[in-house]
Amino acid sequence: MAVNGFEALVRIYFQANGFFTLENVDYHINPTAKIPSDYLHGPSEIDLIAIKPKGQKIEACVVNAKGHGDGLNIADAICAINEGGEIHGRDARKAFRELAFSPWGGALKTCVYQKTGCTEFTHITACIKAVGNISDWESQSQFQSRIKGSKLKLLQSHEIIGFLATNMEKIHRRAPEILGAITDMNPNLRTITKKAASG
């Protein structure tokens, strides 16, 4: 499935769970930061910032959507981000700059605070599927240190699709255009989406 279609699914998932969303948010680091020059210049982008009032606090999530069909091999990705290497033919440290370099992690936290007022958030990597031990990713101490102690979470497409499938009529009322993207991602949902569209 096209990455932008997957990003749309992720956005609707969060909106259907009661979150307000900001999309494609750029942020920068200080150009004097002491990291290799290949990773210094230009903005990085947050695919989605999701926020939801929770009592007197605000729950905030920073979401990166990785829509590659092969999913995310957890052990390989951790190694490539920490030590250098590629994920799906792309430099892993460019794809996950905030997890690879502390200055980018700090800049991310500053950006989230400026946009939401939240000093704490959950960093979520949404992927088609995760291959390996999810807890290895979610407890990765070097990642957590670089994003200044924020929580880590992996969100897989089967969780997204499962939620959307059981809430299809609500999703159709809120955003009927998402039905086509859901069907593209999982053709087995075609009957459900048609029923929701006609209901």
C-alpha atoms as a PDB file:
ATOM      1  CA  MET A   1       0.000   0.000   0.000  1.00  0.00           C
ATOM      2  CA  ALA A   2       1.178   3.524  -0.769  1.00  0.00           C
ATOM      3  CA  VAL A   3       2.747   5.279   2.194  1.00  0.00           C
ATOM      4  CA  ASN A   4       0.362   8.233   2.010  1.00  0.00           C
ATOM      5  CA  GLY A   5      -2.579   5.806   2.093  1.00  0.00           C
ATOM      6  CA  PHE A   6      -1.122   4.193   5.198  1.00  0.00           C
ATOM      7  CA  GLU A   7      -0.633   7.609   6.778  1.00  0.00           C
ATOM      8  CA  ALA A   8      -4.310   8.326   6.102  1.00  0.00           C
ATOM      9  CA  LEU A   9      -5.281   5.131   7.902  1.00  0.00           C
ATOM     10  CA  VAL A  10      -3.121   6.055  10.867  1.00  0.00           C
ATOM     11  CA  ARG A  11      -4.644   9.533  11.014  1.00  0.00           C
ATOM     12  CA  ILE A  12      -8.209   8.224  10.951  1.00  0.00           C
ATOM     13  CA  TYR A  13      -7.325   5.632  13.592  1.00  0.00           C
ATOM     14  CA  PHE A  14      -6.240   8.356  15.980  1.00  0.00           C
ATOM     15  CA  GLN A  15      -9.124  10.661  15.130  1.00  0.00           C
ATOM     16  CA  ALA A  16     -11.599   7.830  15.684  1.00  0.00           C
ATOM     17  CA  ASN A  17      -9.978   7.310  19.085  1.00  0.00           C
ATOM     18  CA  GLY A  18     -10.780  10.896  20.036  1.00  0.00           C
ATOM     19  CA  PHE A  19      -7.486  12.589  19.170  1.00  0.00           C
ATOM     20  CA  PHE A  20      -7.034  15.895  17.418  1.00  0.00           C
ATOM     21  CA  THR A  21      -4.264  15.668  14.837  1.00  0.00           C
ATOM     22  CA  LEU A  22      -1.581  17.852  13.277  1.00  0.00           C
ATOM     23  CA  GLU A  23       0.046  16.497  10.131  1.00  0.00           C
ATOM     24  CA  ASN A  24       3.456  16.884   8.497  1.00  0.00           C
ATOM     25  CA  VAL A  25       5.045  19.080  11.150  1.00  0.00           C
ATOM     26  CA  ASP A  26       8.611  20.196  10.351  1.00  0.00           C
ATOM     27  CA  TYR A  27      11.257  20.825  12.980  1.00  0.00           C
ATOM     28  CA  HIS A  28      14.953  21.731  12.931  1.00  0.00           C
ATOM     29  CA  ILE A  29      18.065  21.438  15.058  1.00  0.00           C
ATOM     30  CA  ASN A  30      20.760  23.973  15.782  1.00  0.00           C
ATOM     31  CA  PRO A  31      23.148  23.922  12.787  1.00  0.00           C
ATOM     32  CA  THR A  32      26.096  23.850  15.211  1.00  0.00           C
ATOM     33  CA  ALA A  33      24.978  20.540  16.748  1.00  0.00           C
ATOM     34  CA  LYS A  34      27.826  18.043  16.998  1.00  0.00           C
ATOM     35  CA  ILE A  35      26.566  15.246  14.774  1.00  0.00           C
ATOM     36  CA  PRO A  36      27.815  14.045  11.368  1.00  0.00           C
ATOM     37  CA  SER A  37      27.109  16.661   8.695  1.00  0.00           C
ATOM     38  CA  ASP A  38      25.079  14.214   6.595  1.00  0.00           C
ATOM     39  CA  TYR A  39      22.396  14.292   9.301  1.00  0.00           C
ATOM     40  CA  LEU A  40      22.609  17.952  10.250  1.00  0.00           C
ATOM     41  CA  HIS A  41      20.913  19.959   7.532  1.00  0.00           C
ATOM     42  CA  GLY A  42      17.319  20.449   6.524  1.00  0.00           C
ATOM     43  CA  PRO A  43      14.155  19.840   8.509  1.00  0.00           C
ATOM     44  CA  SER A  44      12.897  16.576   9.877  1.00  0.00           C
ATOM     45  CA  GLU A  45       9.184  15.872   9.707  1.00  0.00           C
ATOM     46  CA  ILE A  46       6.685  14.432  12.154  1.00  0.00           C
ATOM     47  CA  ASP A  47       4.024  12.588  10.183  1.00  0.00           C
ATOM     48  CA  LEU A  48       1.410  13.131  12.876  1.00  0.00           C
ATOM     49  CA  ILE A  49       1.042  14.761  16.271  1.00  0.00           C
ATOM     50  CA  ALA A  50      -2.060  13.439  18.031  1.00  0.00           C
ATOM     51  CA  ILE A  51      -3.445  15.051  21.185  1.00  0.00           C
ATOM     52  CA  LYS A  52      -6.417  14.227  23.398  1.00  0.00           C
ATOM     53  CA  PRO A  53      -7.675  15.842  26.614  1.00  0.00           C
ATOM     54  CA  LYS A  54      -7.450  13.366  29.477  1.00  0.00           C
ATOM     55  CA  GLY A  55      -8.834  14.807  32.678  1.00  0.00           C
ATOM     56  CA  GLN A  56      -6.776  17.882  33.498  1.00  0.00           C
ATOM     57  CA  LYS A  57      -3.921  16.725  31.292  1.00  0.00           C
ATOM     58  CA  ILE A  58      -3.377  16.271  27.575  1.00  0.00           C
ATOM     59  CA  GLU A  59      -2.254  12.955  26.122  1.00  0.00           C
ATOM     60  CA  ALA A  60       0.177  13.517  23.260  1.00  0.00           C
ATOM     61  CA  CYS A  61       1.525  11.089  20.679  1.00  0.00           C
ATOM     62  CA  VAL A  62       4.180  11.650  18.033  1.00  0.00           C
ATOM     63  CA  VAL A  63       3.568   9.256  15.160  1.00  0.00           C
ATOM     64  CA  ASN A  64       5.854   8.211  12.336  1.00  0.00           C
ATOM     65  CA  ALA A  65       4.110   6.105   9.701  1.00  0.00           C
ATOM     66  CA  LYS A  66       6.311   3.556   7.956  1.00  0.00           C
ATOM     67  CA  GLY A  67       4.158   2.018   5.233  1.00  0.00           C
ATOM     68  CA  HIS A  68       6.663  -0.347   3.612  1.00  0.00           C
ATOM     69  CA  GLY A  69       4.983  -3.640   2.788  1.00  0.00           C
ATOM     70  CA  ASP A  70       7.770  -5.752   4.311  1.00  0.00           C
ATOM     71  CA  GLY A  71       7.148  -4.168   7.679  1.00  0.00           C
ATOM     72  CA  LEU A  72       9.801  -3.392  10.280  1.00  0.00           C
ATOM     73  CA  ASN A  73      12.397  -5.965  11.282  1.00  0.00           C
ATOM     74  CA  ILE A  74      12.948  -4.887  14.860  1.00  0.00           C
ATOM     75  CA  ALA A  75      16.426  -6.293  15.482  1.00  0.00           C
ATOM     76  CA  ASP A  76      17.772  -5.062  12.145  1.00  0.00           C
ATOM     77  CA  ALA A  77      16.199  -1.617  12.588  1.00  0.00           C
ATOM     78  CA  ILE A  78      17.594  -1.135  16.096  1.00  0.00           C
ATOM     79  CA  CYS A  79      21.072  -2.098  14.907  1.00  0.00           C
ATOM     80  CA  ALA A  80      20.878   0.162  11.833  1.00  0.00           C
ATOM     81  CA  ILE A  81      19.675   3.168  13.847  1.00  0.00           C
ATOM     82  CA  ASN A  82      22.234   2.764  16.618  1.00  0.00           C
ATOM     83  CA  GLU A  83      25.238   1.675  14.572  1.00  0.00           C
ATOM     84  CA  GLY A  84      24.496   2.833  11.015  1.00  0.00           C
ATOM     85  CA  GLY A  85      22.913   0.958   8.154  1.00  0.00           C
ATOM     86  CA  GLU A  86      19.865   0.882   5.924  1.00  0.00           C
ATOM     87  CA  ILE A  87      16.177   0.099   6.340  1.00  0.00           C
ATOM     88  CA  HIS A  88      14.395  -0.716   3.076  1.00  0.00           C
ATOM     89  CA  GLY A  89      17.265   0.815   1.106  1.00  0.00           C
ATOM     90  CA  ARG A  90      17.268   4.104   3.016  1.00  0.00           C
ATOM     91  CA  ASP A  91      19.761   5.352   5.589  1.00  0.00           C
ATOM     92  CA  ALA A  92      18.147   4.355   8.895  1.00  0.00           C
ATOM     93  CA  ARG A  93      19.599   7.357  10.699  1.00  0.00           C
ATOM     94  CA  LYS A  94      17.830   9.690   8.285  1.00  0.00           C
ATOM     95  CA  ALA A  95      14.551   7.789   8.532  1.00  0.00           C
ATOM     96  CA  PHE A  96      14.706   7.860  12.364  1.00  0.00           C
ATOM     97  CA  ARG A  97      16.847  10.914  13.098  1.00  0.00           C
ATOM     98  CA  GLU A  98      15.204  11.616  16.442  1.00  0.00           C
ATOM     99  CA  LEU A  99      15.996   8.079  17.635  1.00  0.00           C
ATOM    100  CA  ALA A 100      19.549   8.140  16.259  1.00  0.00           C
ATOM    101  CA  PHE A 101      20.817  11.512  17.545  1.00  0.00           C
ATOM    102  CA  SER A 102      20.154  13.313  20.827  1.00  0.00           C
ATOM    103  CA  PRO A 103      20.049  16.809  19.238  1.00  0.00           C
ATOM    104  CA  TRP A 104      17.223  15.662  16.953  1.00  0.00           C
ATOM    105  CA  GLY A 105      15.465  14.025  19.896  1.00  0.00           C
ATOM    106  CA  GLY A 106      15.704  17.251  21.861  1.00  0.00           C
ATOM    107  CA  ALA A 107      14.457  19.278  18.911  1.00  0.00           C
ATOM    108  CA  LEU A 108      11.506  16.902  18.581  1.00  0.00           C
ATOM    109  CA  LYS A 109      10.582  17.378  22.223  1.00  0.00           C
ATOM    110  CA  THR A 110      10.822  21.152  21.863  1.00  0.00           C
ATOM    111  CA  CYS A 111       8.610  21.053  18.764  1.00  0.00           C
ATOM    112  CA  VAL A 112       5.960  18.970  20.520  1.00  0.00           C
ATOM    113  CA  TYR A 113       5.953  21.374  23.452  1.00  0.00           C
ATOM    114  CA  GLN A 114       5.605  24.385  21.150  1.00  0.00           C
ATOM    115  CA  LYS A 115       2.702  22.788  19.276  1.00  0.00           C
ATOM    116  CA  THR A 116       0.835  21.213  22.198  1.00  0.00           C
ATOM    117  CA  GLY A 117       2.165  22.528  25.499  1.00  0.00           C
ATOM    118  CA  CYS A 118       2.991  18.928  26.480  1.00  0.00           C
ATOM    119  CA  THR A 119       6.321  18.060  28.031  1.00  0.00           C
ATOM    120  CA  GLU A 120       5.622  14.319  27.815  1.00  0.00           C
ATOM    121  CA  PHE A 121       4.526  12.253  24.837  1.00  0.00           C
ATOM    122  CA  THR A 122       4.562   8.738  23.434  1.00  0.00           C
ATOM    123  CA  HIS A 123       6.705   8.179  20.357  1.00  0.00           C
ATOM    124  CA  ILE A 124       4.780   5.780  18.115  1.00  0.00           C
ATOM    125  CA  THR A 125       6.143   4.037  15.047  1.00  0.00           C
ATOM    126  CA  ALA A 126       3.219   2.805  12.959  1.00  0.00           C
ATOM    127  CA  CYS A 127       4.139   0.023  10.544  1.00  0.00           C
ATOM    128  CA  ILE A 128       2.488  -2.577   8.351  1.00  0.00           C
ATOM    129  CA  LYS A 129       3.884  -5.327  10.546  1.00  0.00           C
ATOM    130  CA  ALA A 130       6.627  -5.780  13.108  1.00  0.00           C
ATOM    131  CA  VAL A 131       8.996  -8.714  12.765  1.00  0.00           C
ATOM    132  CA  GLY A 132      10.640  -9.736  16.017  1.00  0.00           C
ATOM    133  CA  ASN A 133      10.224  -8.924  19.689  1.00  0.00           C
ATOM    134  CA  ILE A 134       8.167  -5.751  20.085  1.00  0.00           C
ATOM    135  CA  SER A 135       9.362  -5.230  23.650  1.00  0.00           C
ATOM    136  CA  ASP A 136      12.936  -4.887  22.346  1.00  0.00           C
ATOM    137  CA  TRP A 137      11.828  -1.741  20.492  1.00  0.00           C
ATOM    138  CA  GLU A 138       9.566  -0.347  23.181  1.00  0.00           C
ATOM    139  CA  SER A 139      12.231  -0.727  25.889  1.00  0.00           C
ATOM    140  CA  GLN A 140      15.197   0.430  23.764  1.00  0.00           C
ATOM    141  CA  SER A 141      17.162   2.505  26.267  1.00  0.00           C
ATOM    142  CA  GLN A 142      19.299   4.378  23.718  1.00  0.00           C
ATOM    143  CA  PHE A 143      16.206   5.520  21.808  1.00  0.00           C
ATOM    144  CA  GLN A 144      14.532   6.612  25.042  1.00  0.00           C
ATOM    145  CA  SER A 145      17.608   8.565  26.098  1.00  0.00           C
ATOM    146  CA  ARG A 146      17.744  10.417  22.782  1.00  0.00           C
ATOM    147  CA  ILE A 147      14.087  11.450  22.966  1.00  0.00           C
ATOM    148  CA  LYS A 148      14.578  12.541  26.573  1.00  0.00           C
ATOM    149  CA  GLY A 149      12.746   9.723  28.329  1.00  0.00           C
ATOM    150  CA  SER A 150       9.586   9.620  26.240  1.00  0.00           C
ATOM    151  CA  LYS A 151       7.780   6.304  25.899  1.00  0.00           C
ATOM    152  CA  LEU A 152       8.149   4.148  22.789  1.00  0.00           C
ATOM    153  CA  LYS A 153       5.394   2.167  21.102  1.00  0.00           C
ATOM    154  CA  LEU A 154       4.940   0.142  17.929  1.00  0.00           C
ATOM    155  CA  LEU A 155       1.523   0.207  16.250  1.00  0.00           C
ATOM    156  CA  GLN A 156       0.869  -2.428  13.596  1.00  0.00           C
ATOM    157  CA  SER A 157      -1.613  -2.394  10.735  1.00  0.00           C
ATOM    158  CA  HIS A 158      -3.609  -5.328  12.105  1.00  0.00           C
ATOM    159  CA  GLU A 159      -4.368  -3.253  15.228  1.00  0.00           C
ATOM    160  CA  ILE A 160      -5.422  -0.307  13.080  1.00  0.00           C
ATOM    161  CA  ILE A 161      -7.502  -2.411  10.694  1.00  0.00           C
ATOM    162  CA  GLY A 162      -9.110  -4.343  13.538  1.00  0.00           C
ATOM    163  CA  PHE A 163     -10.236  -1.148  15.211  1.00  0.00           C
ATOM    164  CA  LEU A 164     -11.455   0.446  11.992  1.00  0.00           C
ATOM    165  CA  ALA A 165     -13.317  -2.703  10.951  1.00  0.00           C
ATOM    166  CA  THR A 166     -15.275  -2.840  14.199  1.00  0.00           C
ATOM    167  CA  ASN A 167     -16.048   0.881  14.018  1.00  0.00           C
ATOM    168  CA  MET A 168     -16.641   1.149  10.262  1.00  0.00           C
ATOM    169  CA  GLU A 169     -19.995   2.907  10.359  1.00  0.00           C
ATOM    170  CA  LYS A 170     -18.622   5.595  12.670  1.00  0.00           C
ATOM    171  CA  ILE A 171     -15.594   5.975  10.417  1.00  0.00           C
ATOM    172  CA  HIS A 172     -17.784   6.293   7.336  1.00  0.00           C
ATOM    173  CA  ARG A 173     -19.829   9.071   8.914  1.00  0.00           C
ATOM    174  CA  ARG A 174     -16.680  10.909   9.943  1.00  0.00           C
ATOM    175  CA  ALA A 175     -14.540  10.388   6.809  1.00  0.00           C
ATOM    176  CA  PRO A 176     -16.061   8.314   3.974  1.00  0.00           C
ATOM    177  CA  GLU A 177     -12.996   8.811   1.759  1.00  0.00           C
ATOM    178  CA  ILE A 178     -10.990   6.532   4.037  1.00  0.00           C
ATOM    179  CA  LEU A 179     -12.996   3.462   2.980  1.00  0.00           C
ATOM    180  CA  GLY A 180     -11.078   3.160  -0.279  1.00  0.00           C
ATOM    181  CA  ALA A 181      -7.743   3.346   1.521  1.00  0.00           C
ATOM    182  CA  ILE A 182      -8.832   0.652   3.961  1.00  0.00           C
ATOM    183  CA  THR A 183      -9.884  -1.612   1.098  1.00  0.00           C
ATOM    184  CA  ASP A 184      -6.570  -1.036  -0.691  1.00  0.00           C
ATOM    185  CA  MET A 185      -4.714  -2.109   2.415  1.00  0.00           C
ATOM    186  CA  ASN A 186      -6.832  -5.176   3.174  1.00  0.00           C
ATOM    187  CA  PRO A 187      -9.163  -6.411   0.385  1.00  0.00           C
ATOM    188  CA  ASN A 188     -10.871  -8.736   2.880  1.00  0.00           C
ATOM    189  CA  LEU A 189     -12.584  -5.658   4.295  1.00  0.00           C
ATOM    190  CA  ARG A 190     -14.305  -4.842   0.984  1.00  0.00           C
ATOM    191  CA  THR A 191     -17.665  -6.318   2.115  1.00  0.00           C
ATOM    192  CA  ILE A 192     -17.520  -4.396   5.383  1.00  0.00           C
ATOM    193  CA  THR A 193     -16.701  -1.109   3.676  1.00  0.00           C
ATOM    194  CA  LYS A 194     -19.488  -1.557   1.114  1.00  0.00           C
ATOM    195  CA  LYS A 195     -21.967  -2.243   3.911  1.00  0.00           C
ATOM    196  CA  ALA A 196     -20.842   0.850   5.792  1.00  0.00           C
ATOM    197  CA  ALA A 197     -21.068   2.985   2.651  1.00  0.00           C
ATOM    198  CA  SER A 198     -24.588   1.799   1.885  1.00  0.00           C
ATOM    199  CA  GLY A 199     -25.795   1.938   5.482  1.00  0.00           C
END
